[in-house]
Structures are given as C-alpha cells and as structure tokens.
PDB file of N, CA and C in Angstrom:
ATOM      1  N   MET A   1      36.076 -28.438  21.407  1.00  0.00           N
ATOM      2  CA  MET A   1      35.041 -28.552  20.401  1.00  0.00           C
ATOM      3  C   MET A   1      33.688 -28.751  21.086  1.00  0.00           C
ATOM      4  N   GLU A   2      32.671 -28.067  20.575  1.00  0.00           N
ATOM      5  CA  GLU A   2      31.337 -28.166  21.158  1.00  0.00           C
ATOM      6  C   GLU A   2      30.693 -29.480  20.759  1.00  0.00           C
ATOM      7  N   ASN A   3      29.789 -29.934  21.604  1.00  0.00           N
ATOM      8  CA  ASN A   3      29.090 -31.150  21.222  1.00  0.00           C
ATOM      9  C   ASN A   3      27.988 -30.829  20.211  1.00  0.00           C
ATOM     10  N   THR A   4      27.414 -31.834  19.597  1.00  0.00           N
ATOM     11  CA  THR A   4      26.462 -31.650  18.508  1.00  0.00           C
ATOM     12  C   THR A   4      25.194 -30.936  18.947  1.00  0.00           C
ATOM     13  N   SER A   5      24.711 -31.215  20.137  1.00  0.00           N
ATOM     14  CA  SER A   5      23.471 -30.572  20.580  1.00  0.00           C
ATOM     15  C   SER A   5      23.687 -29.080  20.797  1.00  0.00           C
ATOM     16  N   GLU A   6      24.846 -28.671  21.288  1.00  0.00           N
ATOM     17  CA  GLU A   6      25.133 -27.246  21.460  1.00  0.00           C
ATOM     18  C   GLU A   6      25.271 -26.568  20.106  1.00  0.00           C
ATOM     19  N   GLN A   7      25.893 -27.249  19.127  1.00  0.00           N
ATOM     20  CA  GLN A   7      26.042 -26.673  17.790  1.00  0.00           C
ATOM     21  C   GLN A   7      24.683 -26.483  17.142  1.00  0.00           C
ATOM     22  N   SER A   8      23.811 -27.466  17.231  1.00  0.00           N
ATOM     23  CA  SER A   8      22.500 -27.337  16.592  1.00  0.00           C
ATOM     24  C   SER A   8      21.653 -26.284  17.297  1.00  0.00           C
ATOM     25  N   ALA A   9      21.775 -26.167  18.610  1.00  0.00           N
ATOM     26  CA  ALA A   9      21.026 -25.149  19.340  1.00  0.00           C
ATOM     27  C   ALA A   9      21.515 -23.758  18.972  1.00  0.00           C
ATOM     28  N   ALA A  10      22.817 -23.611  18.789  1.00  0.00           N
ATOM     29  CA  ALA A  10      23.376 -22.306  18.453  1.00  0.00           C
ATOM     30  C   ALA A  10      23.030 -21.906  17.030  1.00  0.00           C
ATOM     31  N   SER A  11      22.916 -22.881  16.120  1.00  0.00           N
ATOM     32  CA  SER A  11      22.642 -22.552  14.724  1.00  0.00           C
ATOM     33  C   SER A  11      21.155 -22.534  14.406  1.00  0.00           C
ATOM     34  N   ALA A  12      20.323 -22.951  15.341  1.00  0.00           N
ATOM     35  CA  ALA A  12      18.883 -22.962  15.099  1.00  0.00           C
ATOM     36  C   ALA A  12      18.362 -21.536  15.054  1.00  0.00           C
ATOM     37  N   THR A  13      17.491 -21.273  14.109  1.00  0.00           N
ATOM     38  CA  THR A  13      16.860 -19.963  14.031  1.00  0.00           C
ATOM     39  C   THR A  13      15.357 -20.140  14.162  1.00  0.00           C
ATOM     40  N   ILE A  14      14.752 -19.165  14.724  1.00  0.00           N
ATOM     41  CA  ILE A  14      13.301 -19.185  14.879  1.00  0.00           C
ATOM     42  C   ILE A  14      12.732 -18.281  13.807  1.00  0.00           C
ATOM     43  N   THR A  15      11.817 -18.811  13.025  1.00  0.00           N
ATOM     44  CA  THR A  15      11.175 -17.998  12.006  1.00  0.00           C
ATOM     45  C   THR A  15       9.709 -17.852  12.356  1.00  0.00           C
ATOM     46  N   LYS A  16       9.200 -16.708  12.081  1.00  0.00           N
ATOM     47  CA  LYS A  16       7.795 -16.427  12.338  1.00  0.00           C
ATOM     48  C   LYS A  16       7.205 -15.899  11.041  1.00  0.00           C
ATOM     49  N   GLU A  17       6.084 -16.458  10.638  1.00  0.00           N
ATOM     50  CA  GLU A  17       5.432 -15.952   9.441  1.00  0.00           C
ATOM     51  C   GLU A  17       4.880 -14.565   9.748  1.00  0.00           C
ATOM     52  N   VAL A  18       5.192 -13.638   8.896  1.00  0.00           N
ATOM     53  CA  VAL A  18       4.688 -12.276   9.044  1.00  0.00           C
ATOM     54  C   VAL A  18       3.702 -12.049   7.908  1.00  0.00           C
ATOM     55  N   PHE A  19       2.433 -11.844   8.249  1.00  0.00           N
ATOM     56  CA  PHE A  19       1.397 -11.706   7.240  1.00  0.00           C
ATOM     57  C   PHE A  19       1.179 -10.264   6.801  1.00  0.00           C
ATOM     58  N   TYR A  20       1.586  -9.316   7.620  1.00  0.00           N
ATOM     59  CA  TYR A  20       1.533  -7.915   7.225  1.00  0.00           C
ATOM     60  C   TYR A  20       2.641  -7.180   7.964  1.00  0.00           C
ATOM     61  N   ALA A  21       3.045  -6.079   7.382  1.00  0.00           N
ATOM     62  CA  ALA A  21       4.087  -5.259   8.000  1.00  0.00           C
ATOM     63  C   ALA A  21       3.673  -3.801   7.870  1.00  0.00           C
ATOM     64  N   PRO A  22       3.972  -2.987   8.866  1.00  0.00           N
ATOM     65  CA  PRO A  22       3.623  -1.569   8.763  1.00  0.00           C
ATOM     66  C   PRO A  22       4.516  -0.867   7.750  1.00  0.00           C
ATOM     67  N   LYS A  23       3.924  -0.002   6.970  1.00  0.00           N
ATOM     68  CA  LYS A  23       4.670   0.790   5.998  1.00  0.00           C
ATOM     69  C   LYS A  23       4.229   2.239   6.153  1.00  0.00           C
ATOM     70  N   GLU A  24       5.206   3.126   6.273  1.00  0.00           N
ATOM     71  CA  GLU A  24       4.864   4.538   6.417  1.00  0.00           C
ATOM     72  C   GLU A  24       4.428   5.088   5.066  1.00  0.00           C
ATOM     73  N   MET A  25       3.267   5.734   5.048  1.00  0.00           N
ATOM     74  CA  MET A  25       2.734   6.351   3.839  1.00  0.00           C
ATOM     75  C   MET A  25       2.434   7.808   4.134  1.00  0.00           C
ATOM     76  N   SER A  26       2.731   8.649   3.144  1.00  0.00           N
ATOM     77  CA  SER A  26       2.483  10.085   3.277  1.00  0.00           C
ATOM     78  C   SER A  26       1.309  10.483   2.396  1.00  0.00           C
ATOM     79  N   PHE A  27       0.460  11.341   2.930  1.00  0.00           N
ATOM     80  CA  PHE A  27      -0.697  11.842   2.209  1.00  0.00           C
ATOM     81  C   PHE A  27      -0.549  13.352   2.071  1.00  0.00           C
ATOM     82  N   TYR A  28      -0.549  13.823   0.812  1.00  0.00           N
ATOM     83  CA  TYR A  28      -0.364  15.233   0.511  1.00  0.00           C
ATOM     84  C   TYR A  28      -1.692  15.836   0.069  1.00  0.00           C
ATOM     85  N   PHE A  29      -1.848  17.129   0.283  1.00  0.00           N
ATOM     86  CA  PHE A  29      -3.101  17.802  -0.035  1.00  0.00           C
ATOM     87  C   PHE A  29      -2.843  19.037  -0.881  1.00  0.00           C
ATOM     88  N   LYS A  30      -3.806  19.346  -1.733  1.00  0.00           N
ATOM     89  CA  LYS A  30      -3.730  20.552  -2.557  1.00  0.00           C
ATOM     90  C   LYS A  30      -4.084  21.767  -1.702  1.00  0.00           C
ATOM     91  N   THR A  31      -3.597  22.907  -2.134  1.00  0.00           N
ATOM     92  CA  THR A  31      -3.921  24.158  -1.461  1.00  0.00           C
ATOM     93  C   THR A  31      -5.338  24.571  -1.841  1.00  0.00           C
ATOM     94  N   LYS A  32      -6.132  24.901  -0.842  1.00  0.00           N
ATOM     95  CA  LYS A  32      -7.484  25.395  -1.091  1.00  0.00           C
ATOM     96  C   LYS A  32      -7.426  26.913  -1.152  1.00  0.00           C
ATOM     97  N   LYS A  33      -8.013  27.457  -2.191  1.00  0.00           N
ATOM     98  CA  LYS A  33      -8.044  28.909  -2.351  1.00  0.00           C
ATOM     99  C   LYS A  33      -8.951  29.524  -1.293  1.00  0.00           C
ATOM    100  N   GLY A  34      -8.504  30.643  -0.764  1.00  0.00           N
ATOM    101  CA  GLY A  34      -9.314  31.338   0.234  1.00  0.00           C
ATOM    102  C   GLY A  34     -10.558  31.925  -0.394  1.00  0.00           C
ATOM    103  N   GLU A  35     -11.657  31.846   0.312  1.00  0.00           N
ATOM    104  CA  GLU A  35     -12.924  32.385  -0.177  1.00  0.00           C
ATOM    105  C   GLU A  35     -13.228  33.702   0.529  1.00  0.00           C
ATOM    106  N   GLU A  36     -14.150  34.429  -0.043  1.00  0.00           N
ATOM    107  CA  GLU A  36     -14.565  35.683   0.595  1.00  0.00           C
ATOM    108  C   GLU A  36     -15.609  35.370   1.656  1.00  0.00           C
ATOM    109  N   ASN A  37     -15.481  36.046   2.797  1.00  0.00           N
ATOM    110  CA  ASN A  37     -16.497  35.878   3.831  1.00  0.00           C
ATOM    111  C   ASN A  37     -17.658  36.837   3.563  1.00  0.00           C
ATOM    112  N   GLU A  38     -18.614  36.864   4.457  1.00  0.00           N
ATOM    113  CA  GLU A  38     -19.806  37.696   4.245  1.00  0.00           C
ATOM    114  C   GLU A  38     -19.500  39.193   4.238  1.00  0.00           C
ATOM    115  N   LEU A  39     -18.341  39.606   4.762  1.00  0.00           N
ATOM    116  CA  LEU A  39     -17.945  41.021   4.754  1.00  0.00           C
ATOM    117  C   LEU A  39     -17.132  41.374   3.507  1.00  0.00           C
ATOM    118  N   GLY A  40     -16.944  40.389   2.634  1.00  0.00           N
ATOM    119  CA  GLY A  40     -16.192  40.635   1.410  1.00  0.00           C
ATOM    120  C   GLY A  40     -14.687  40.532   1.594  1.00  0.00           C
ATOM    121  N   GLU A  41     -14.236  40.082   2.751  1.00  0.00           N
ATOM    122  CA  GLU A  41     -12.802  39.933   2.986  1.00  0.00           C
ATOM    123  C   GLU A  41     -12.347  38.567   2.479  1.00  0.00           C
ATOM    124  N   LYS A  42     -11.235  38.565   1.750  1.00  0.00           N
ATOM    125  CA  LYS A  42     -10.712  37.311   1.217  1.00  0.00           C
ATOM    126  C   LYS A  42      -9.925  36.596   2.305  1.00  0.00           C
ATOM    127  N   GLN A  43     -10.272  35.345   2.516  1.00  0.00           N
ATOM    128  CA  GLN A  43      -9.565  34.522   3.486  1.00  0.00           C
ATOM    129  C   GLN A  43      -8.266  34.010   2.851  1.00  0.00           C
ATOM    130  N   PRO A  44      -7.247  33.770   3.663  1.00  0.00           N
ATOM    131  CA  PRO A  44      -5.987  33.273   3.098  1.00  0.00           C
ATOM    132  C   PRO A  44      -6.133  31.851   2.551  1.00  0.00           C
ATOM    133  N   ASP A  45      -5.270  31.515   1.580  1.00  0.00           N
ATOM    134  CA  ASP A  45      -5.234  30.158   1.065  1.00  0.00           C
ATOM    135  C   ASP A  45      -4.841  29.218   2.206  1.00  0.00           C
ATOM    136  N   TYR A  46      -5.298  27.978   2.108  1.00  0.00           N
ATOM    137  CA  TYR A  46      -5.032  27.016   3.170  1.00  0.00           C
ATOM    138  C   TYR A  46      -4.546  25.704   2.570  1.00  0.00           C
ATOM    139  N   LYS A  47      -3.466  25.181   3.116  1.00  0.00           N
ATOM    140  CA  LYS A  47      -2.960  23.878   2.705  1.00  0.00           C
ATOM    141  C   LYS A  47      -2.809  23.017   3.948  1.00  0.00           C
ATOM    142  N   ARG A  48      -3.492  21.874   3.921  1.00  0.00           N
ATOM    143  CA  ARG A  48      -3.370  20.946   5.046  1.00  0.00           C
ATOM    144  C   ARG A  48      -1.951  20.413   5.104  1.00  0.00           C
ATOM    145  N   PRO A  49      -1.434  20.212   6.291  1.00  0.00           N
ATOM    146  CA  PRO A  49      -0.103  19.617   6.393  1.00  0.00           C
ATOM    147  C   PRO A  49      -0.125  18.156   5.939  1.00  0.00           C
ATOM    148  N   THR A  50       1.019  17.670   5.522  1.00  0.00           N
ATOM    149  CA  THR A  50       1.153  16.278   5.115  1.00  0.00           C
ATOM    150  C   THR A  50       0.857  15.375   6.305  1.00  0.00           C
ATOM    151  N   VAL A  51       0.120  14.307   6.049  1.00  0.00           N
ATOM    152  CA  VAL A  51      -0.210  13.330   7.086  1.00  0.00           C
ATOM    153  C   VAL A  51       0.603  12.073   6.806  1.00  0.00           C
ATOM    154  N   LYS A  52       1.331  11.585   7.812  1.00  0.00           N
ATOM    155  CA  LYS A  52       2.098  10.353   7.688  1.00  0.00           C
ATOM    156  C   LYS A  52       1.485   9.313   8.614  1.00  0.00           C
ATOM    157  N   LEU A  53       1.201   8.132   8.053  1.00  0.00           N
ATOM    158  CA  LEU A  53       0.591   7.058   8.820  1.00  0.00           C
ATOM    159  C   LEU A  53       1.334   5.753   8.583  1.00  0.00           C
ATOM    160  N   GLU A  54       1.338   4.896   9.589  1.00  0.00           N
ATOM    161  CA  GLU A  54       1.858   3.538   9.445  1.00  0.00           C
ATOM    162  C   GLU A  54       0.660   2.670   9.044  1.00  0.00           C
ATOM    163  N   ILE A  55       0.670   2.199   7.806  1.00  0.00           N
ATOM    164  CA  ILE A  55      -0.432   1.415   7.268  1.00  0.00           C
ATOM    165  C   ILE A  55       0.001  -0.052   7.187  1.00  0.00           C
ATOM    166  N   PRO A  56      -0.810  -0.992   7.692  1.00  0.00           N
ATOM    167  CA  PRO A  56      -0.432  -2.407   7.556  1.00  0.00           C
ATOM    168  C   PRO A  56      -0.574  -2.848   6.106  1.00  0.00           C
ATOM    169  N   VAL A  57       0.500  -3.398   5.557  1.00  0.00           N
ATOM    170  CA  VAL A  57       0.541  -3.847   4.166  1.00  0.00           C
ATOM    171  C   VAL A  57       0.827  -5.346   4.163  1.00  0.00           C
ATOM    172  N   PRO A  58       0.079  -6.116   3.373  1.00  0.00           N
ATOM    173  CA  PRO A  58       0.332  -7.558   3.353  1.00  0.00           C
ATOM    174  C   PRO A  58       1.728  -7.885   2.835  1.00  0.00           C
ATOM    175  N   THR A  59       2.322  -8.912   3.397  1.00  0.00           N
ATOM    176  CA  THR A  59       3.606  -9.418   2.920  1.00  0.00           C
ATOM    177  C   THR A  59       3.332 -10.544   1.924  1.00  0.00           C
ATOM    178  N   PHE A  60       4.386 -11.035   1.291  1.00  0.00           N
ATOM    179  CA  PHE A  60       4.239 -12.157   0.374  1.00  0.00           C
ATOM    180  C   PHE A  60       3.643 -13.358   1.099  1.00  0.00           C
ATOM    181  N   ASP A  61       4.169 -13.662   2.301  1.00  0.00           N
ATOM    182  CA  ASP A  61       3.634 -14.778   3.094  1.00  0.00           C
ATOM    183  C   ASP A  61       2.153 -14.561   3.419  1.00  0.00           C
ATOM    184  N   GLY A  62       1.791 -13.323   3.690  1.00  0.00           N
ATOM    185  CA  GLY A  62       0.396 -13.016   3.983  1.00  0.00           C
ATOM    186  C   GLY A  62      -0.504 -13.246   2.783  1.00  0.00           C
ATOM    187  N   LEU A  63      -0.033 -12.848   1.590  1.00  0.00           N
ATOM    188  CA  LEU A  63      -0.819 -13.079   0.378  1.00  0.00           C
ATOM    189  C   LEU A  63      -0.989 -14.571   0.105  1.00  0.00           C
ATOM    190  N   VAL A  64       0.105 -15.309   0.227  1.00  0.00           N
ATOM    191  CA  VAL A  64       0.043 -16.752  -0.020  1.00  0.00           C
ATOM    192  C   VAL A  64      -0.899 -17.419   0.978  1.00  0.00           C
ATOM    193  N   ALA A  65      -0.795 -17.054   2.251  1.00  0.00           N
ATOM    194  CA  ALA A  65      -1.665 -17.638   3.267  1.00  0.00           C
ATOM    195  C   ALA A  65      -3.128 -17.287   2.990  1.00  0.00           C
ATOM    196  N   SER A  66      -3.389 -16.045   2.604  1.00  0.00           N
ATOM    197  CA  SER A  66      -4.763 -15.628   2.306  1.00  0.00           C
ATOM    198  C   SER A  66      -5.324 -16.398   1.122  1.00  0.00           C
ATOM    199  N   LEU A  67      -4.506 -16.574   0.075  1.00  0.00           N
ATOM    200  CA  LEU A  67      -4.969 -17.321  -1.095  1.00  0.00           C
ATOM    201  C   LEU A  67      -5.213 -18.792  -0.760  1.00  0.00           C
ATOM    202  N   ASN A  68      -4.352 -19.361   0.075  1.00  0.00           N
ATOM    203  CA  ASN A  68      -4.520 -20.765   0.448  1.00  0.00           C
ATOM    204  C   ASN A  68      -5.749 -20.998   1.317  1.00  0.00           C
ATOM    205  N   LYS A  69      -6.109 -20.035   2.148  1.00  0.00           N
ATOM    206  CA  LYS A  69      -7.257 -20.180   3.046  1.00  0.00           C
ATOM    207  C   LYS A  69      -8.573 -19.756   2.390  1.00  0.00           C
ATOM    208  N   ASP A  70      -8.482 -19.136   1.216  1.00  0.00           N
ATOM    209  CA  ASP A  70      -9.648 -18.553   0.545  1.00  0.00           C
ATOM    210  C   ASP A  70     -10.424 -19.614  -0.227  1.00  0.00           C
ATOM    211  N   GLU A  71     -11.485 -20.125   0.379  1.00  0.00           N
ATOM    212  CA  GLU A  71     -12.306 -21.131  -0.300  1.00  0.00           C
ATOM    213  C   GLU A  71     -13.371 -20.492  -1.182  1.00  0.00           C
ATOM    214  N   SER A  72     -13.684 -19.229  -0.947  1.00  0.00           N
ATOM    215  CA  SER A  72     -14.734 -18.558  -1.715  1.00  0.00           C
ATOM    216  C   SER A  72     -14.207 -17.964  -3.020  1.00  0.00           C
ATOM    217  N   GLY A  73     -12.911 -17.760  -3.107  1.00  0.00           N
ATOM    218  CA  GLY A  73     -12.334 -17.143  -4.303  1.00  0.00           C
ATOM    219  C   GLY A  73     -12.363 -15.627  -4.272  1.00  0.00           C
ATOM    220  N   LYS A  74     -12.835 -15.047  -3.170  1.00  0.00           N
ATOM    221  CA  LYS A  74     -12.957 -13.591  -3.090  1.00  0.00           C
ATOM    222  C   LYS A  74     -11.593 -12.898  -3.029  1.00  0.00           C
ATOM    223  N   VAL A  75     -10.637 -13.500  -2.331  1.00  0.00           N
ATOM    224  CA  VAL A  75      -9.306 -12.889  -2.239  1.00  0.00           C
ATOM    225  C   VAL A  75      -8.648 -12.883  -3.614  1.00  0.00           C
ATOM    226  N   ALA A  76      -8.721 -14.003  -4.323  1.00  0.00           N
ATOM    227  CA  ALA A  76      -8.137 -14.085  -5.667  1.00  0.00           C
ATOM    228  C   ALA A  76      -8.826 -13.090  -6.602  1.00  0.00           C
ATOM    229  N   ALA A  77     -10.147 -12.995  -6.539  1.00  0.00           N
ATOM    230  CA  ALA A  77     -10.884 -12.058  -7.390  1.00  0.00           C
ATOM    231  C   ALA A  77     -10.483 -10.619  -7.086  1.00  0.00           C
ATOM    232  N   PHE A  78     -10.325 -10.311  -5.805  1.00  0.00           N
ATOM    233  CA  PHE A  78      -9.910  -8.968  -5.400  1.00  0.00           C
ATOM    234  C   PHE A  78      -8.523  -8.635  -5.945  1.00  0.00           C
ATOM    235  N   LEU A  79      -7.576  -9.564  -5.785  1.00  0.00           N
ATOM    236  CA  LEU A  79      -6.212  -9.326  -6.281  1.00  0.00           C
ATOM    237  C   LEU A  79      -6.191  -9.181  -7.799  1.00  0.00           C
ATOM    238  N   LEU A  80      -6.956 -10.022  -8.499  1.00  0.00           N
ATOM    239  CA  LEU A  80      -7.017  -9.912  -9.955  1.00  0.00           C
ATOM    240  C   LEU A  80      -7.633  -8.583 -10.391  1.00  0.00           C
ATOM    241  N   ALA A  81      -8.635  -8.106  -9.669  1.00  0.00           N
ATOM    242  CA  ALA A  81      -9.247  -6.811  -9.988  1.00  0.00           C
ATOM    243  C   ALA A  81      -8.240  -5.670  -9.804  1.00  0.00           C
ATOM    244  N   LEU A  82      -7.432  -5.746  -8.738  1.00  0.00           N
ATOM    245  CA  LEU A  82      -6.405  -4.724  -8.524  1.00  0.00           C
ATOM    246  C   LEU A  82      -5.377  -4.727  -9.653  1.00  0.00           C
ATOM    247  N   ILE A  83      -4.950  -5.918 -10.045  1.00  0.00           N
ATOM    248  CA  ILE A  83      -3.968  -6.036 -11.130  1.00  0.00           C
ATOM    249  C   ILE A  83      -4.569  -5.524 -12.438  1.00  0.00           C
ATOM    250  N   GLU A  84      -5.801  -5.902 -12.712  1.00  0.00           N
ATOM    251  CA  GLU A  84      -6.473  -5.445 -13.933  1.00  0.00           C
ATOM    252  C   GLU A  84      -6.577  -3.925 -13.970  1.00  0.00           C
ATOM    253  N   GLN A  85      -6.891  -3.309 -12.850  1.00  0.00           N
ATOM    254  CA  GLN A  85      -7.006  -1.847 -12.787  1.00  0.00           C
ATOM    255  C   GLN A  85      -5.674  -1.181 -13.080  1.00  0.00           C
ATOM    256  N   GLU A  86      -4.584  -1.719 -12.539  1.00  0.00           N
ATOM    257  CA  GLU A  86      -3.259  -1.155 -12.801  1.00  0.00           C
ATOM    258  C   GLU A  86      -2.881  -1.287 -14.275  1.00  0.00           C
ATOM    259  N   ILE A  87      -3.210  -2.424 -14.884  1.00  0.00           N
ATOM    260  CA  ILE A  87      -2.939  -2.618 -16.313  1.00  0.00           C
ATOM    261  C   ILE A  87      -3.762  -1.636 -17.131  1.00  0.00           C
ATOM    262  N   TYR A  88      -5.037  -1.450 -16.773  1.00  0.00           N
ATOM    263  CA  TYR A  88      -5.889  -0.482 -17.469  1.00  0.00           C
ATOM    264  C   TYR A  88      -5.313   0.930 -17.392  1.00  0.00           C
ATOM    265  N   LEU A  89      -4.887   1.339 -16.189  1.00  0.00           N
ATOM    266  CA  LEU A  89      -4.352   2.695 -16.023  1.00  0.00           C
ATOM    267  C   LEU A  89      -3.097   2.905 -16.864  1.00  0.00           C
ATOM    268  N   GLU A  90      -2.216   1.904 -16.933  1.00  0.00           N
ATOM    269  CA  GLU A  90      -1.008   2.033 -17.741  1.00  0.00           C
ATOM    270  C   GLU A  90      -1.353   2.075 -19.221  1.00  0.00           C
ATOM    271  N   ALA A  91      -2.289   1.234 -19.659  1.00  0.00           N
ATOM    272  CA  ALA A  91      -2.725   1.265 -21.055  1.00  0.00           C
ATOM    273  C   ALA A  91      -3.360   2.611 -21.378  1.00  0.00           C
ATOM    274  N   ARG A  92      -4.137   3.143 -20.450  1.00  0.00           N
ATOM    275  CA  ARG A  92      -4.776   4.454 -20.642  1.00  0.00           C
ATOM    276  C   ARG A  92      -3.730   5.548 -20.816  1.00  0.00           C
ATOM    277  N   ASN A  93      -2.669   5.510 -20.006  1.00  0.00           N
ATOM    278  CA  ASN A  93      -1.589   6.493 -20.143  1.00  0.00           C
ATOM    279  C   ASN A  93      -0.950   6.411 -21.521  1.00  0.00           C
ATOM    280  N   GLN A  94      -0.749   5.204 -22.027  1.00  0.00           N
ATOM    281  CA  GLN A  94      -0.131   5.050 -23.336  1.00  0.00           C
ATOM    282  C   GLN A  94      -1.060   5.525 -24.452  1.00  0.00           C
ATOM    283  N   VAL A  95      -2.368   5.246 -24.317  1.00  0.00           N
ATOM    284  CA  VAL A  95      -3.342   5.708 -25.315  1.00  0.00           C
ATOM    285  C   VAL A  95      -3.434   7.235 -25.289  1.00  0.00           C
ATOM    286  N   ASN A  96      -3.425   7.833 -24.101  1.00  0.00           N
ATOM    287  CA  ASN A  96      -3.528   9.284 -23.977  1.00  0.00           C
ATOM    288  C   ASN A  96      -2.360   9.999 -24.642  1.00  0.00           C
ATOM    289  N   GLU A  97      -1.171   9.373 -24.647  1.00  0.00           N
ATOM    290  CA  GLU A  97       0.023  10.002 -25.210  1.00  0.00           C
ATOM    291  C   GLU A  97       0.023   9.992 -26.736  1.00  0.00           C
ATOM    292  N   LYS A  98      -0.793   9.160 -27.374  1.00  0.00           N
ATOM    293  CA  LYS A  98      -0.780   9.034 -28.826  1.00  0.00           C
ATOM    294  C   LYS A  98      -2.111   9.506 -29.379  1.00  0.00           C
ATOM    295  N   ASP A  99      -2.096  10.692 -29.994  1.00  0.00           N
ATOM    296  CA  ASP A  99      -3.323  11.222 -30.607  1.00  0.00           C
ATOM    297  C   ASP A  99      -3.006  11.600 -32.033  1.00  0.00           C
ATOM    298  N   PRO A 100      -3.569  11.016 -33.033  1.00  0.00           N
ATOM    299  CA  PRO A 100      -4.522   9.909 -32.961  1.00  0.00           C
ATOM    300  C   PRO A 100      -3.824   8.597 -32.638  1.00  0.00           C
ATOM    301  N   PHE A 101      -4.605   7.658 -32.134  1.00  0.00           N
ATOM    302  CA  PHE A 101      -4.035   6.374 -31.731  1.00  0.00           C
ATOM    303  C   PHE A 101      -3.935   5.465 -32.932  1.00  0.00           C
TER     304      PHE A 101
END
C-alpha cells in the first residue's frame, strides 16, 4: 500500500485558467462576375478560395475574469451590446416572416 503523500501526489491535478482558446473559423466569398476589359473581352468569373484561420475566442473563465477586472464597465457594456444585437436580429427575422405583422 502506498503512503499518503504518494497517494496525494499521484491524485493531484494541475489546473490552469485558460482565458481564450483558438477556434478554427472559415470565411467564404461570393463569386465576382467577370468584367469586360478595354478590348471588350469578358474576363472569367472569380471566386476567392475559402480562408481558414485560428481565431482566439474567449472562454468562460476568460469572460468571468474580464468582468471581475472591469472597473470601468466597458466589458459588461460590450457584452450586453452583443447580446442585444443578437436578440434584435432574431426578432427582425420573426417580424420579416409575418406580413402583415
């Protein structure tokens, strides 16, 4: 049987607060219609390839830490503005679907 100090050392875990984590995001583009050049020749349509980037996204711990350190209230105001915008967009979608409202 192991002694108590070996058991506690083996069961101890190290935790690190993670304030942001990378998240892969894809950016898609519309096809641009080809235009005529000065000789009257039509250029081919062009579509940019999809761009994939690792974007740092705040974690729950990061949001909580930011709110706790925010003495100016700017972080809370920013988050509330984002939430309000999402609620507006969803309400707008529902209003758009019902004509007349």
